[in-house]
Amino acid sequence: MANSYRVVDLRPTAEDAADIVIEGVKSPEAAAKQALGLDLVRSGSRKDLVAQVYWQLTPEAKNMVRLYSRVASTRRR
């Protein structure tokens, strides 16, 4: 089911926390990718916070997820 997502750009370079509405995608990550052109993930540290994405499935329940920049793994194999 496609929803309407509101992507809030929290990067320091974003002017006044840009607020972009995206429709026709199936996940908050897809909305952020379309709005910001970045591949973001749901876990990370505060310094890597890039965006917050909001959506509503019912009038009573508003959902939000924080998305972080993907950090390259430094783990050796």
C-alpha atoms as a PDB file:
ATOM      1  CA  MET A   1       0.000   0.000   0.000  1.00  0.00           C
ATOM      2  CA  ALA A   2       1.453   3.368  -1.008  1.00  0.00           C
ATOM      3  CA  ASN A   3       1.246   6.203   1.499  1.00  0.00           C
ATOM      4  CA  SER A   4       1.975   9.877   1.605  1.00  0.00           C
ATOM      5  CA  TYR A   5       5.212  10.642   3.446  1.00  0.00           C
ATOM      6  CA  ARG A   6       6.558  13.931   4.765  1.00  0.00           C
ATOM      7  CA  VAL A   7      10.368  13.998   4.691  1.00  0.00           C
ATOM      8  CA  VAL A   8      12.075  16.562   6.915  1.00  0.00           C
ATOM      9  CA  ASP A   9      15.710  17.170   5.924  1.00  0.00           C
ATOM     10  CA  LEU A  10      17.739  17.706   9.123  1.00  0.00           C
ATOM     11  CA  ARG A  11      21.167  18.149   7.582  1.00  0.00           C
ATOM     12  CA  PRO A  12      22.983  21.326   8.673  1.00  0.00           C
ATOM     13  CA  THR A  13      23.255  22.383   5.023  1.00  0.00           C
ATOM     14  CA  ALA A  14      19.476  22.199   4.545  1.00  0.00           C
ATOM     15  CA  GLU A  15      17.879  25.615   4.770  1.00  0.00           C
ATOM     16  CA  ASP A  16      15.185  25.780   7.456  1.00  0.00           C
ATOM     17  CA  ALA A  17      14.818  21.978   7.647  1.00  0.00           C
ATOM     18  CA  ALA A  18      13.366  21.369   4.193  1.00  0.00           C
ATOM     19  CA  ASP A  19       9.965  19.683   4.322  1.00  0.00           C
ATOM     20  CA  ILE A  20       9.088  17.559   1.256  1.00  0.00           C
ATOM     21  CA  VAL A  21       5.908  15.523   0.646  1.00  0.00           C
ATOM     22  CA  ILE A  22       6.350  12.303  -1.347  1.00  0.00           C
ATOM     23  CA  GLU A  23       3.532  10.058  -2.566  1.00  0.00           C
ATOM     24  CA  GLY A  24       3.425   6.702  -4.309  1.00  0.00           C
ATOM     25  CA  VAL A  25       6.249   4.943  -2.462  1.00  0.00           C
ATOM     26  CA  LYS A  26       5.998   2.022  -0.063  1.00  0.00           C
ATOM     27  CA  SER A  27       8.472   2.854   2.714  1.00  0.00           C
ATOM     28  CA  PRO A  28      10.005   5.782   4.584  1.00  0.00           C
ATOM     29  CA  GLU A  29      13.408   4.854   3.151  1.00  0.00           C
ATOM     30  CA  ALA A  30      12.033   5.007  -0.403  1.00  0.00           C
ATOM     31  CA  ALA A  31      10.458   8.398   0.335  1.00  0.00           C
ATOM     32  CA  ALA A  32      13.771   9.758   1.643  1.00  0.00           C
ATOM     33  CA  LYS A  33      15.654   8.366  -1.358  1.00  0.00           C
ATOM     34  CA  GLN A  34      13.232  10.075  -3.750  1.00  0.00           C
ATOM     35  CA  ALA A  35      13.196  13.361  -1.804  1.00  0.00           C
ATOM     36  CA  LEU A  36      16.881  13.648  -0.929  1.00  0.00           C
ATOM     37  CA  GLY A  37      18.622  11.273  -3.319  1.00  0.00           C
ATOM     38  CA  LEU A  38      20.288   9.448  -0.415  1.00  0.00           C
ATOM     39  CA  ASP A  39      20.284   5.808   0.663  1.00  0.00           C
ATOM     40  CA  LEU A  40      19.429   6.014   4.384  1.00  0.00           C
ATOM     41  CA  VAL A  41      18.998   3.443   7.166  1.00  0.00           C
ATOM     42  CA  ARG A  42      16.924   3.307  10.369  1.00  0.00           C
ATOM     43  CA  SER A  43      19.781   2.949  12.833  1.00  0.00           C
ATOM     44  CA  GLY A  44      22.816   5.097  13.490  1.00  0.00           C
ATOM     45  CA  SER A  45      24.364   7.657  15.767  1.00  0.00           C
ATOM     46  CA  ARG A  46      23.058  11.158  16.374  1.00  0.00           C
ATOM     47  CA  LYS A  47      25.862  12.712  14.329  1.00  0.00           C
ATOM     48  CA  ASP A  48      24.716  10.713  11.274  1.00  0.00           C
ATOM     49  CA  LEU A  49      21.040  11.785  11.533  1.00  0.00           C
ATOM     50  CA  VAL A  50      19.846  13.031   8.137  1.00  0.00           C
ATOM     51  CA  ALA A  51      16.047  13.041   8.110  1.00  0.00           C
ATOM     52  CA  GLN A  52      12.806  12.346   9.900  1.00  0.00           C
ATOM     53  CA  VAL A  53       9.958  10.830   7.902  1.00  0.00           C
ATOM     54  CA  TYR A  54       6.302  11.120   8.988  1.00  0.00           C
ATOM     55  CA  TRP A  55       3.217   9.289   7.730  1.00  0.00           C
ATOM     56  CA  GLN A  56      -0.307   8.522   8.906  1.00  0.00           C
ATOM     57  CA  LEU A  57      -2.212   5.273   8.453  1.00  0.00           C
ATOM     58  CA  THR A  58      -5.222   6.393  10.501  1.00  0.00           C
ATOM     59  CA  PRO A  59      -6.342   9.836  11.681  1.00  0.00           C
ATOM     60  CA  GLU A  60      -5.356   8.979  15.272  1.00  0.00           C
ATOM     61  CA  ALA A  61      -1.919   7.480  14.651  1.00  0.00           C
ATOM     62  CA  LYS A  62       0.966   9.526  13.292  1.00  0.00           C
ATOM     63  CA  ASN A  63       4.183   7.604  12.670  1.00  0.00           C
ATOM     64  CA  MET A  64       7.753   8.871  12.514  1.00  0.00           C
ATOM     65  CA  VAL A  65      11.084   7.250  11.815  1.00  0.00           C
ATOM     66  CA  ARG A  66      14.569   8.764  12.005  1.00  0.00           C
ATOM     67  CA  LEU A  67      16.881   7.941   9.131  1.00  0.00           C
ATOM     68  CA  TYR A  68      20.669   8.022   9.249  1.00  0.00           C
ATOM     69  CA  SER A  69      23.431   8.044   6.675  1.00  0.00           C
ATOM     70  CA  ARG A  70      24.897   4.643   5.946  1.00  0.00           C
ATOM     71  CA  VAL A  71      28.335   4.306   7.523  1.00  0.00           C
ATOM     72  CA  ALA A  72      30.933   2.153   5.775  1.00  0.00           C
ATOM     73  CA  SER A  73      31.889  -0.888   7.795  1.00  0.00           C
ATOM     74  CA  THR A  74      35.391  -0.849   9.271  1.00  0.00           C
ATOM     75  CA  ARG A  75      35.176  -4.477  10.398  1.00  0.00           C
ATOM     76  CA  ARG A  76      37.851  -6.816   9.035  1.00  0.00           C
ATOM     77  CA  ARG A  77      37.021 -10.169   7.509  1.00  0.00           C
END
